[in-house]
Amino acid sequence: MVRIRSKLVFTVLISAFLAVFWIANVVPASAVCPSGTHNVKFTGGQQNVSSVQGVSALLTSYNPSPVYEVTSFWVMLHKNGSLNDYGQVGWIKFPSYQNEYVYCEFNIGGAWARLFYNQQNNNWQVDQPSTIPASIEGYFVTYTPGQLTVQYDNGYQLPFYCPWVPDNVEVYGETQNYGAANAGDHMPGDSVNKVLANTIMKKVNGSWSWASLAMIKQGWGNYDTSGATHGFYIWDTRNCN
């Protein structure tokens, strides 16, 4: 398969950034927070982009705790106005996991699939979490007519059938369990170890350029765009573990 074009440019950006930045994979230590109820919350940003062909970002890893349903951090191509048409790649943690793992997810009209990246074998597999993400790494989703492709770092580009046309790029931290004060899933990041989405780019007409995201925060999440290179920091505002 053809490699993502302009990957050399993005690799240079990654190399320059890694030379000055590194975040350890950490778990926040603090008070115990009980479970809430099923309620999806997002912190991050999105942009509507006609004829979009790709989205990419450097994402830092983080091991959130507690997780009662799911906590994740991802980049996505999406059909605006639809809840069921998207393709995303990032990292995810479920309550049964001790760590976060690299994953992708596709939803085509309500029929969805989730796969996990196996870096040792350089492939994607169903229901077998394998690869703990690097402290900071590149994540990519690209589109050609009829096909979405996801990629982690320089790994295998996984294609997936896509009958719809994306017109929206998203980069979000997500939780699915929320409650009263100090209850529910932990959003990626904490006040000491904020999680970074950096060098966020979109692809249009075959060329990569900086994305311009409209930011939101929900639940206990917060964000800060200062200090990031075409990106943002997010974190959970609670002292919760």
Protein backbone atom coordinates (compact mmCIF):
# COMPACT_ATOMS: atom_id res chain seq x y z
CA MET A 1 0.00 0.00 0.00
CA VAL A 2 1.05 3.60 -0.57
CA ARG A 3 2.46 5.39 2.44
CA ILE A 4 0.73 8.52 3.67
CA ARG A 5 2.04 11.42 1.61
CA SER A 6 3.86 14.20 3.45
CA LYS A 7 4.86 11.64 6.10
CA LEU A 8 8.44 12.88 5.74
CA VAL A 9 7.37 16.39 6.68
CA PHE A 10 5.43 15.11 9.66
CA THR A 11 8.34 12.87 10.71
CA VAL A 12 10.62 15.90 10.76
CA LEU A 13 8.14 17.69 12.99
CA ILE A 14 7.96 14.68 15.29
CA SER A 15 11.75 14.40 15.52
CA ALA A 16 12.15 18.08 16.34
CA PHE A 17 9.45 17.93 18.95
CA LEU A 18 10.77 14.76 20.60
CA ALA A 19 14.15 16.42 20.95
CA VAL A 20 12.69 18.87 23.46
CA PHE A 21 9.70 17.07 24.97
CA TRP A 22 8.99 13.80 26.79
CA ILE A 23 6.18 12.80 29.12
CA ALA A 24 6.30 9.66 31.25
CA ASN A 25 3.45 7.19 31.30
CA VAL A 26 2.05 7.89 34.76
CA VAL A 27 -0.97 7.21 36.94
CA PRO A 28 -2.21 10.10 39.11
CA ALA A 29 -2.09 9.43 42.85
CA SER A 30 -4.91 10.91 44.87
CA ALA A 31 -8.29 10.32 46.51
CA VAL A 32 -10.65 7.48 45.58
CA CYS A 33 -13.57 8.35 43.28
CA PRO A 34 -16.61 6.07 42.98
CA SER A 35 -18.44 5.14 39.80
CA GLY A 36 -20.99 7.46 38.27
CA THR A 37 -23.45 6.45 35.52
CA HIS A 38 -23.18 6.00 31.76
CA ASN A 39 -22.74 9.49 30.33
CA VAL A 40 -20.28 10.29 27.54
CA LYS A 41 -18.07 13.38 27.97
CA PHE A 42 -15.48 14.90 25.64
CA THR A 43 -12.66 17.40 26.03
CA GLY A 44 -10.74 18.54 22.97
CA GLY A 45 -11.63 20.01 19.60
CA GLN A 46 -13.11 19.52 16.15
CA GLN A 47 -13.23 21.26 12.78
CA ASN A 48 -15.62 20.90 9.84
CA VAL A 49 -13.52 20.45 6.69
CA SER A 50 -15.06 19.90 3.26
CA SER A 51 -13.33 17.25 1.14
CA VAL A 52 -11.05 16.28 4.03
CA GLN A 53 -8.65 13.42 3.30
CA GLY A 54 -6.88 12.97 6.60
CA VAL A 55 -6.19 13.96 10.19
CA SER A 56 -3.03 13.39 12.21
CA ALA A 57 -1.59 14.35 15.57
CA LEU A 58 1.07 13.56 18.11
CA LEU A 59 -0.65 12.22 21.24
CA THR A 60 0.94 11.67 24.62
CA SER A 61 0.08 8.55 26.58
CA TYR A 62 -1.40 8.41 30.06
CA ASN A 63 -2.70 5.65 32.31
CA PRO A 64 -5.98 7.03 33.75
CA SER A 65 -7.48 5.83 37.00
CA PRO A 66 -10.23 5.15 37.89
CA VAL A 67 -11.90 3.82 34.74
CA TYR A 68 -15.36 2.31 35.23
CA GLU A 69 -16.44 2.18 31.57
CA VAL A 70 -13.79 3.59 29.22
CA THR A 71 -11.28 6.42 28.88
CA SER A 72 -9.64 7.15 25.53
CA PHE A 73 -7.67 9.75 23.56
CA TRP A 74 -7.95 9.72 19.77
CA VAL A 75 -8.00 11.37 16.35
CA MET A 76 -10.99 10.87 14.05
CA LEU A 77 -12.46 11.41 10.62
CA HIS A 78 -16.21 11.75 10.90
CA LYS A 79 -19.34 12.42 8.86
CA ASN A 80 -20.74 15.58 10.39
CA GLY A 81 -24.21 15.14 11.89
CA SER A 82 -23.95 11.35 12.11
CA LEU A 83 -23.39 9.37 15.30
CA ASN A 84 -22.56 6.21 13.37
CA ASP A 85 -20.07 7.13 10.63
CA TYR A 86 -16.48 7.58 11.80
CA GLY A 87 -12.99 6.11 11.89
CA GLN A 88 -10.60 6.78 14.76
CA VAL A 89 -7.23 5.73 16.16
CA GLY A 90 -5.63 6.46 19.52
CA TRP A 91 -5.26 4.79 22.89
CA ILE A 92 -7.93 3.34 25.15
CA LYS A 93 -8.33 1.91 28.64
CA PHE A 94 -11.13 -0.30 29.97
CA PRO A 95 -11.64 -1.23 33.64
CA SER A 96 -10.12 -4.69 33.11
CA TYR A 97 -6.87 -3.23 31.72
CA GLN A 98 -3.88 -2.29 33.84
CA ASN A 99 -2.63 0.01 31.08
CA GLU A 100 -3.86 1.95 28.07
CA TYR A 101 -3.44 0.33 24.63
CA VAL A 102 -3.26 1.47 21.02
CA TYR A 103 -6.55 0.81 19.22
CA CYS A 104 -8.69 1.85 16.28
CA GLU A 105 -12.43 1.85 15.77
CA PHE A 106 -14.64 2.08 12.69
CA ASN A 107 -18.38 2.68 12.59
CA ILE A 108 -20.19 2.34 9.28
CA GLY A 109 -23.87 3.15 9.63
CA GLY A 110 -24.01 1.58 13.08
CA ALA A 111 -21.94 -1.52 12.25
CA TRP A 112 -18.69 -1.09 14.12
CA ALA A 113 -15.41 -2.86 14.77
CA ARG A 114 -12.60 -2.26 17.28
CA LEU A 115 -9.07 -3.56 16.76
CA PHE A 116 -5.82 -3.33 18.72
CA TYR A 117 -2.36 -2.74 17.31
CA ASN A 118 0.31 -5.39 17.83
CA GLN A 119 3.62 -3.60 17.36
CA GLN A 120 5.69 -6.77 17.60
CA ASN A 121 3.87 -8.36 14.65
CA ASN A 122 3.03 -5.04 12.96
CA ASN A 123 -0.64 -5.88 12.52
CA TRP A 124 -4.08 -5.13 13.97
CA GLN A 125 -6.06 -7.76 15.86
CA VAL A 126 -9.52 -8.14 17.36
CA ASP A 127 -10.06 -8.17 21.14
CA GLN A 128 -6.37 -8.61 22.00
CA PRO A 129 -4.86 -5.48 23.57
CA SER A 130 -1.14 -5.61 22.91
CA THR A 131 0.77 -2.34 22.50
CA ILE A 132 1.13 0.24 25.26
CA PRO A 133 1.63 3.51 23.39
CA ALA A 134 4.93 5.36 23.42
CA SER A 135 5.07 8.44 25.63
CA ILE A 136 4.38 10.53 22.53
CA GLU A 137 3.64 9.19 19.06
CA GLY A 138 1.93 9.94 15.77
CA TYR A 139 -1.61 8.77 14.96
CA PHE A 140 -3.16 9.02 11.47
CA VAL A 141 -6.54 8.53 9.80
CA THR A 142 -6.73 9.06 6.03
CA TYR A 143 -9.52 8.81 3.46
CA THR A 144 -9.70 7.90 -0.21
CA PRO A 145 -13.05 7.28 -1.92
CA GLY A 146 -14.47 4.09 -0.47
CA GLN A 147 -11.72 3.56 2.11
CA LEU A 148 -10.49 4.79 5.49
CA THR A 149 -6.96 3.92 6.65
CA VAL A 150 -5.57 4.14 10.19
CA GLN A 151 -1.95 4.09 11.29
CA TYR A 152 0.05 4.26 14.51
CA ASP A 153 3.62 5.58 14.24
CA ASN A 154 5.24 4.00 11.15
CA GLY A 155 3.25 0.79 11.55
CA TYR A 156 0.94 -1.13 9.28
CA GLN A 157 -1.71 1.00 7.57
CA LEU A 158 -5.02 -0.75 8.18
CA PRO A 159 -7.64 -0.11 5.44
CA PHE A 160 -11.36 -0.32 6.07
CA TYR A 161 -14.36 -0.01 3.76
CA CYS A 162 -15.98 3.43 3.94
CA PRO A 163 -19.13 4.19 1.89
CA TRP A 164 -19.55 7.71 3.32
CA VAL A 165 -17.55 10.92 2.81
CA PRO A 166 -15.97 12.53 5.91
CA ASP A 167 -16.25 16.28 6.42
CA ASN A 168 -15.14 16.64 10.03
CA VAL A 169 -11.89 16.12 11.97
CA GLU A 170 -11.84 15.55 15.72
CA VAL A 171 -9.20 15.15 18.44
CA TYR A 172 -10.69 14.34 21.83
CA GLY A 173 -10.21 12.80 25.21
CA GLU A 174 -13.33 10.78 26.02
CA THR A 175 -14.90 9.20 29.10
CA GLN A 176 -18.18 7.29 29.31
CA ASN A 177 -18.89 7.21 33.04
CA TYR A 178 -19.77 10.45 34.81
CA GLY A 179 -21.31 11.48 38.10
CA ALA A 180 -21.43 14.01 40.89
CA ALA A 181 -18.30 15.66 42.25
CA ASN A 182 -15.32 13.26 42.27
CA ALA A 183 -17.16 10.38 40.61
CA GLY A 184 -16.73 8.53 37.34
CA ASP A 185 -14.03 7.83 34.74
CA HIS A 186 -10.81 9.82 34.83
CA MET A 187 -10.30 12.07 31.80
CA PRO A 188 -6.84 11.74 30.19
CA GLY A 189 -4.32 13.83 32.11
CA ASP A 190 -4.21 15.50 35.51
CA SER A 191 -3.14 18.92 36.76
CA VAL A 192 0.51 17.79 37.07
CA ASN A 193 0.70 15.52 33.99
CA LYS A 194 -1.43 17.20 31.35
CA VAL A 195 -1.97 15.16 28.20
CA LEU A 196 -0.92 16.73 24.91
CA ALA A 197 -2.29 16.62 21.37
CA ASN A 198 0.32 18.40 19.25
CA THR A 199 1.02 19.27 15.60
CA ILE A 200 -2.59 18.52 14.69
CA MET A 201 -2.92 18.47 10.90
CA LYS A 202 -5.62 17.99 8.29
CA LYS A 203 -5.23 16.79 4.71
CA VAL A 204 -7.14 18.48 1.88
CA ASN A 205 -6.48 18.19 -1.86
CA GLY A 206 -3.50 15.96 -1.19
CA SER A 207 -1.71 18.44 1.09
CA TRP A 208 -1.28 18.50 4.86
CA SER A 209 -1.81 21.77 6.76
CA TRP A 210 -2.48 22.82 10.33
CA ALA A 211 -5.97 22.14 11.67
CA SER A 212 -7.89 24.87 13.45
CA LEU A 213 -10.05 23.23 16.07
CA ALA A 214 -13.04 24.62 17.95
CA MET A 215 -12.39 23.56 21.54
CA ILE A 216 -14.86 22.27 24.14
CA LYS A 217 -14.64 20.91 27.67
CA GLN A 218 -17.21 18.71 29.37
CA GLY A 219 -17.57 17.08 32.75
CA TRP A 220 -14.39 17.33 34.79
CA GLY A 221 -12.18 17.96 31.76
CA ASN A 222 -10.27 21.12 30.99
CA TYR A 223 -7.99 22.29 28.16
CA ASP A 224 -5.25 24.80 27.44
CA THR A 225 -4.02 25.73 23.98
CA SER A 226 -1.08 27.83 25.18
CA GLY A 227 2.33 26.19 25.06
CA ALA A 228 1.27 23.62 22.46
CA THR A 229 2.43 23.67 18.83
CA HIS A 230 -0.81 23.71 16.84
CA GLY A 231 -2.50 21.63 19.51
CA PHE A 232 -3.69 21.58 23.12
CA TYR A 233 -3.29 20.09 26.58
CA ILE A 234 -6.20 18.38 28.37
CA TRP A 235 -6.55 17.08 31.92
CA ASP A 236 -8.99 16.02 34.61
CA THR A 237 -9.51 18.84 37.10
CA ARG A 238 -10.27 16.54 40.02
CA ASN A 239 -7.92 15.06 42.57
CA CYS A 240 -9.25 11.59 41.88
CA ASN A 241 -7.89 8.05 41.78
